[in-house]
Amino acid sequence: MSTPPPDPMRYGDYLALDTILTAQHPRSADPNELLFIIQHQTSELWMKLALHELRSAKAAIAEDDLPATFKMLARVSRIMEQLVHAWNVLGTLTPSEYSAIRPSLGTSSGFQSWQYREIEFLLGNKNAAMLRPHAGNPDLLRDLQRALAEPSIYDEAIRLLARRGFTIDAALLARDLAQTHVSDASVEAAWLTVYRDPRAHWQLYELAEELVDLEDAFRLWRFRHVSTVERIIGFKPGTGGTNGVAYLRSMLDVVLFPELWKVRTDL
């Protein structure tokens, strides 16, 4: 008796579309709530991919596999472009329309996005206070605590500079990685040497430019977030009790890779 052929893989099965397309559960009768839900769900999917690429890029730097790193970092920059464009769609929501659905959101807030928080930790914006919104979920809190304590992608780049023979301050290499990196003269001097002779340090030069591209894209994402929130709710407090636009604006001043920006002035 012959074995029947396996069922063919179908598009919807491969993508689990039954699960994805039934994951929207508006809590109001307002038709605009579907836009709000889908925009945030798709952003979380893009963030999931960004985290996958950032973790892989960090591991590749640690293994001195820079060609693979370049591809991953470039991909994350393009992902962030998609996240910027997503705010353009949400920006079609008027203040009146948002006011109609806001009561349905309860205390939920984008401030509680653990994926966004891990992206920030991976990029080096470390702040233990940002763990508080996740205190009620022990498994999630443990994952974020680990991300806080581990080296950021820029920490790995600095370690790479040391492995490539640049003199990096020993105290910096031994610092508490749960703290945000502060601009360091030895790192600045190393990147300045790279930029003054790119051909002699081509891989490090390309890594530096990929990191600058990444931070540039991340800044645009943050700015569009601030602009969209201000357009829709003005300066009202956020649904999760945050200061809303005031807090988001303060984040625009955060510099992730300070020496790579300072070197442009020094050259």
Protein backbone atom coordinates (compact mmCIF):
# COMPACT_ATOMS: atom_id res chain seq x y z
CA MET A 1 0.00 0.00 0.00
CA SER A 2 1.57 3.27 -1.12
CA THR A 3 2.03 6.17 1.28
CA PRO A 4 -0.10 9.18 0.33
CA PRO A 5 1.90 12.27 -0.63
CA PRO A 6 2.24 14.88 2.09
CA ASP A 7 -0.17 17.78 1.99
CA PRO A 8 1.30 20.66 0.01
CA MET A 9 2.57 23.60 2.03
CA ARG A 10 0.23 26.51 1.49
CA TYR A 11 1.01 30.20 1.78
CA GLY A 12 -1.34 30.79 4.70
CA ASP A 13 -0.05 27.75 6.58
CA TYR A 14 3.60 28.71 6.19
CA LEU A 15 2.94 32.24 7.46
CA ALA A 16 0.44 31.15 10.14
CA LEU A 17 -1.99 33.70 8.76
CA ASP A 18 -4.90 32.21 10.67
CA THR A 19 -3.11 33.20 13.87
CA ILE A 20 -1.79 36.56 12.68
CA LEU A 21 -4.96 37.85 11.02
CA THR A 22 -7.16 36.91 13.96
CA ALA A 23 -4.87 38.52 16.55
CA GLN A 24 -6.64 41.91 16.43
CA HIS A 25 -9.21 42.35 19.18
CA PRO A 26 -10.55 45.93 19.31
CA ARG A 27 -12.08 46.85 22.65
CA SER A 28 -14.33 49.55 21.25
CA ALA A 29 -16.77 49.90 18.37
CA ASP A 30 -14.68 52.66 16.81
CA PRO A 31 -13.29 51.57 13.38
CA ASN A 32 -10.04 53.51 13.94
CA GLU A 33 -8.97 51.18 16.71
CA LEU A 34 -8.00 48.53 14.14
CA LEU A 35 -5.43 50.94 12.67
CA PHE A 36 -3.98 51.55 16.13
CA ILE A 37 -3.68 47.83 16.88
CA ILE A 38 -2.22 46.80 13.52
CA GLN A 39 0.33 49.61 13.48
CA HIS A 40 1.70 48.54 16.84
CA GLN A 41 1.57 44.82 16.06
CA THR A 42 3.50 45.25 12.81
CA SER A 43 6.04 47.46 14.57
CA GLU A 44 6.59 44.73 17.15
CA LEU A 45 7.17 42.22 14.35
CA TRP A 46 9.79 44.50 12.78
CA MET A 47 11.37 44.92 16.23
CA LYS A 48 11.52 41.15 16.60
CA LEU A 49 13.54 40.96 13.38
CA ALA A 50 15.72 43.91 14.43
CA LEU A 51 16.56 42.15 17.70
CA HIS A 52 17.43 38.95 15.85
CA GLU A 53 19.81 40.85 13.57
CA LEU A 54 21.34 42.96 16.37
CA ARG A 55 22.05 39.93 18.55
CA SER A 56 23.64 38.17 15.58
CA ALA A 57 25.68 41.25 14.67
CA LYS A 58 26.97 41.58 18.22
CA ALA A 59 28.03 37.93 18.22
CA ALA A 60 29.73 38.38 14.84
CA ILE A 61 31.76 41.35 16.11
CA ALA A 62 32.85 39.28 19.11
CA GLU A 63 34.01 36.58 16.66
CA ASP A 64 35.81 39.09 14.39
CA ASP A 65 33.43 38.25 11.55
CA LEU A 66 32.96 41.79 10.29
CA PRO A 67 31.65 41.08 6.75
CA ALA A 68 28.65 39.30 8.29
CA THR A 69 28.25 42.17 10.76
CA PHE A 70 28.03 44.76 7.99
CA LYS A 71 25.13 42.95 6.33
CA MET A 72 23.21 42.61 9.59
CA LEU A 73 23.67 46.22 10.66
CA ALA A 74 22.63 47.48 7.23
CA ARG A 75 19.49 45.36 7.48
CA VAL A 76 18.61 46.81 10.89
CA SER A 77 18.97 50.33 9.49
CA ARG A 78 16.49 49.43 6.74
CA ILE A 79 14.14 47.90 9.33
CA MET A 80 14.19 51.19 11.18
CA GLU A 81 13.21 52.97 7.99
CA GLN A 82 10.13 50.76 7.88
CA LEU A 83 9.37 51.68 11.49
CA VAL A 84 9.66 55.37 10.59
CA HIS A 85 7.14 54.94 7.75
CA ALA A 86 4.76 53.14 10.12
CA TRP A 87 4.41 56.37 12.11
CA ASN A 88 3.25 58.07 8.90
CA VAL A 89 0.27 55.71 8.78
CA LEU A 90 -0.59 56.23 12.44
CA GLY A 91 -0.31 59.97 11.85
CA THR A 92 -3.52 59.81 9.82
CA LEU A 93 -5.33 59.32 13.15
CA THR A 94 -6.73 62.69 14.24
CA PRO A 95 -6.89 63.86 17.88
CA SER A 96 -10.68 63.41 17.84
CA GLU A 97 -10.40 59.87 16.50
CA TYR A 98 -7.74 58.93 19.07
CA SER A 99 -9.79 60.42 21.91
CA ALA A 100 -12.62 58.07 20.95
CA ILE A 101 -10.46 54.95 21.35
CA ARG A 102 -8.16 56.07 24.17
CA PRO A 103 -10.43 54.84 27.01
CA SER A 104 -10.18 51.33 25.53
CA LEU A 105 -6.39 51.30 25.97
CA GLY A 106 -6.55 51.34 29.75
CA THR A 107 -3.03 51.64 31.19
CA SER A 108 -1.35 49.93 28.24
CA SER A 109 1.46 51.96 26.72
CA GLY A 110 4.25 51.66 24.21
CA PHE A 111 6.49 52.44 27.18
CA GLN A 112 5.84 48.82 28.18
CA SER A 113 7.29 47.37 24.95
CA TRP A 114 9.96 44.96 26.16
CA GLN A 115 11.31 44.52 22.63
CA TYR A 116 11.94 48.24 22.28
CA ARG A 117 13.65 48.23 25.67
CA GLU A 118 15.95 45.39 24.65
CA ILE A 119 16.81 47.21 21.41
CA GLU A 120 17.85 50.23 23.49
CA PHE A 121 19.94 48.04 25.79
CA LEU A 122 21.61 46.35 22.81
CA LEU A 123 22.41 49.76 21.35
CA GLY A 124 23.88 50.89 24.65
CA ASN A 125 21.21 53.09 26.22
CA LYS A 126 21.32 51.31 29.59
CA ASN A 127 19.00 52.38 32.40
CA ALA A 128 17.96 49.99 35.18
CA ALA A 129 14.91 52.16 35.95
CA MET A 130 13.44 51.04 32.62
CA LEU A 131 13.01 47.55 34.10
CA ARG A 132 10.24 48.71 36.44
CA PRO A 133 7.35 48.43 33.92
CA HIS A 134 8.18 44.71 33.59
CA ALA A 135 8.46 43.85 37.30
CA GLY A 136 5.22 41.85 37.18
CA ASN A 137 6.59 39.34 34.64
CA PRO A 138 9.54 37.44 36.19
CA ASP A 139 10.58 35.62 33.01
CA LEU A 140 10.54 38.79 30.95
CA LEU A 141 12.27 40.76 33.68
CA ARG A 142 15.05 38.16 33.82
CA ASP A 143 15.63 38.44 30.05
CA LEU A 144 15.81 42.23 30.22
CA GLN A 145 18.13 42.13 33.24
CA ARG A 146 20.45 39.89 31.24
CA ALA A 147 20.34 42.30 28.27
CA LEU A 148 21.10 45.19 30.65
CA ALA A 149 24.14 43.43 32.11
CA GLU A 150 25.58 42.14 28.83
CA PRO A 151 27.84 44.17 26.52
CA SER A 152 26.08 46.35 23.98
CA ILE A 153 26.95 46.19 20.32
CA TYR A 154 29.15 49.26 20.81
CA ASP A 155 30.90 47.64 23.79
CA GLU A 156 31.81 44.78 21.45
CA ALA A 157 33.08 47.28 18.86
CA ILE A 158 35.33 48.87 21.51
CA ARG A 159 36.64 45.45 22.52
CA LEU A 160 37.38 44.83 18.86
CA LEU A 161 39.43 48.03 18.70
CA ALA A 162 41.51 46.70 21.61
CA ARG A 163 41.97 43.33 19.89
CA ARG A 164 43.13 45.12 16.75
CA GLY A 165 45.96 46.76 18.68
CA PHE A 166 44.50 50.13 19.66
CA THR A 167 45.21 51.35 23.17
CA ILE A 168 41.90 51.40 25.03
CA ASP A 169 41.65 52.49 28.66
CA ALA A 170 41.70 49.34 30.82
CA ALA A 171 39.14 50.82 33.20
CA LEU A 172 36.73 51.25 30.30
CA LEU A 173 37.15 47.64 29.22
CA ALA A 174 36.41 46.51 32.80
CA ARG A 175 33.51 48.90 33.46
CA ASP A 176 30.02 47.98 34.69
CA LEU A 177 28.21 47.10 31.47
CA ALA A 178 24.82 47.83 33.00
CA GLN A 179 25.70 51.53 32.79
CA THR A 180 25.48 53.69 29.68
CA HIS A 181 28.80 54.18 27.92
CA VAL A 182 30.27 57.65 28.40
CA SER A 183 32.55 59.20 25.78
CA ASP A 184 36.14 58.10 26.32
CA ALA A 185 39.31 59.76 25.06
CA SER A 186 41.08 56.49 24.24
CA VAL A 187 38.15 55.29 22.11
CA GLU A 188 37.97 58.66 20.40
CA ALA A 189 41.69 58.49 19.59
CA ALA A 190 41.30 54.98 18.15
CA TRP A 191 38.42 55.96 15.85
CA LEU A 192 40.32 59.10 14.80
CA THR A 193 43.23 56.92 13.69
CA VAL A 194 40.82 54.74 11.71
CA TYR A 195 39.23 57.71 9.97
CA ARG A 196 42.54 59.39 9.17
CA ASP A 197 43.71 56.27 7.29
CA PRO A 198 40.65 54.30 6.14
CA ARG A 199 42.59 52.09 3.74
CA ALA A 200 44.83 50.82 6.52
CA HIS A 201 41.82 50.02 8.74
CA TRP A 202 39.13 49.38 6.15
CA GLN A 203 36.98 46.91 8.11
CA LEU A 204 36.94 49.09 11.21
CA TYR A 205 36.16 52.10 9.04
CA GLU A 206 33.21 50.30 7.47
CA LEU A 207 32.03 49.10 10.88
CA ALA A 208 32.10 52.69 12.14
CA GLU A 209 30.02 53.91 9.20
CA GLU A 210 27.49 51.10 9.62
CA LEU A 211 27.13 52.07 13.28
CA VAL A 212 26.63 55.72 12.34
CA ASP A 213 24.00 54.71 9.78
CA LEU A 214 22.27 52.67 12.49
CA GLU A 215 22.19 55.50 15.01
CA ASP A 216 21.05 57.93 12.33
CA ALA A 217 18.12 55.63 11.48
CA PHE A 218 17.32 55.15 15.17
CA ARG A 219 17.24 58.93 15.70
CA LEU A 220 14.77 59.33 12.84
CA TRP A 221 12.57 56.61 14.32
CA ARG A 222 12.58 58.40 17.68
CA PHE A 223 11.86 61.77 16.09
CA ARG A 224 8.90 60.47 14.09
CA HIS A 225 7.57 58.89 17.27
CA VAL A 226 7.72 62.22 19.10
CA SER A 227 6.22 64.12 16.17
CA THR A 228 3.35 61.66 15.72
CA VAL A 229 2.48 61.56 19.42
CA GLU A 230 2.49 65.36 19.64
CA ARG A 231 0.32 65.56 16.52
CA ILE A 232 -2.27 63.20 17.99
CA ILE A 233 -2.34 63.93 21.75
CA GLY A 234 -0.32 67.11 22.19
CA PHE A 235 1.28 67.26 25.62
CA LYS A 236 -1.21 65.07 27.47
CA PRO A 237 0.27 62.35 29.73
CA GLY A 238 0.75 58.95 28.10
CA THR A 239 -1.73 56.15 28.77
CA GLY A 240 0.81 54.32 30.93
CA GLY A 241 1.31 57.38 33.16
CA THR A 242 4.46 58.67 31.44
CA ASN A 243 5.10 62.33 30.61
CA GLY A 244 4.26 61.65 26.98
CA VAL A 245 5.92 64.03 24.54
CA ALA A 246 8.13 65.62 27.22
CA TYR A 247 9.76 62.26 27.96
CA LEU A 248 10.07 61.33 24.29
CA ARG A 249 11.72 64.67 23.50
CA SER A 250 14.31 64.09 26.21
CA MET A 251 15.28 60.83 24.47
CA LEU A 252 16.18 62.75 21.31
CA ASP A 253 19.30 64.05 23.10
CA VAL A 254 20.67 60.56 23.83
CA VAL A 255 23.83 59.77 21.84
CA LEU A 256 24.61 56.07 21.53
CA PHE A 257 28.05 56.10 19.90
CA PRO A 258 29.50 59.46 21.01
CA GLU A 259 33.07 59.05 19.77
CA LEU A 260 31.89 58.26 16.23
CA TRP A 261 30.09 61.60 16.11
CA LYS A 262 32.90 63.53 17.81
CA VAL A 263 35.45 62.26 15.29
CA ARG A 264 33.69 64.26 12.56
CA THR A 265 34.63 67.46 14.32
CA ASP A 266 38.18 66.31 15.05
CA LEU A 267 39.10 65.31 11.50
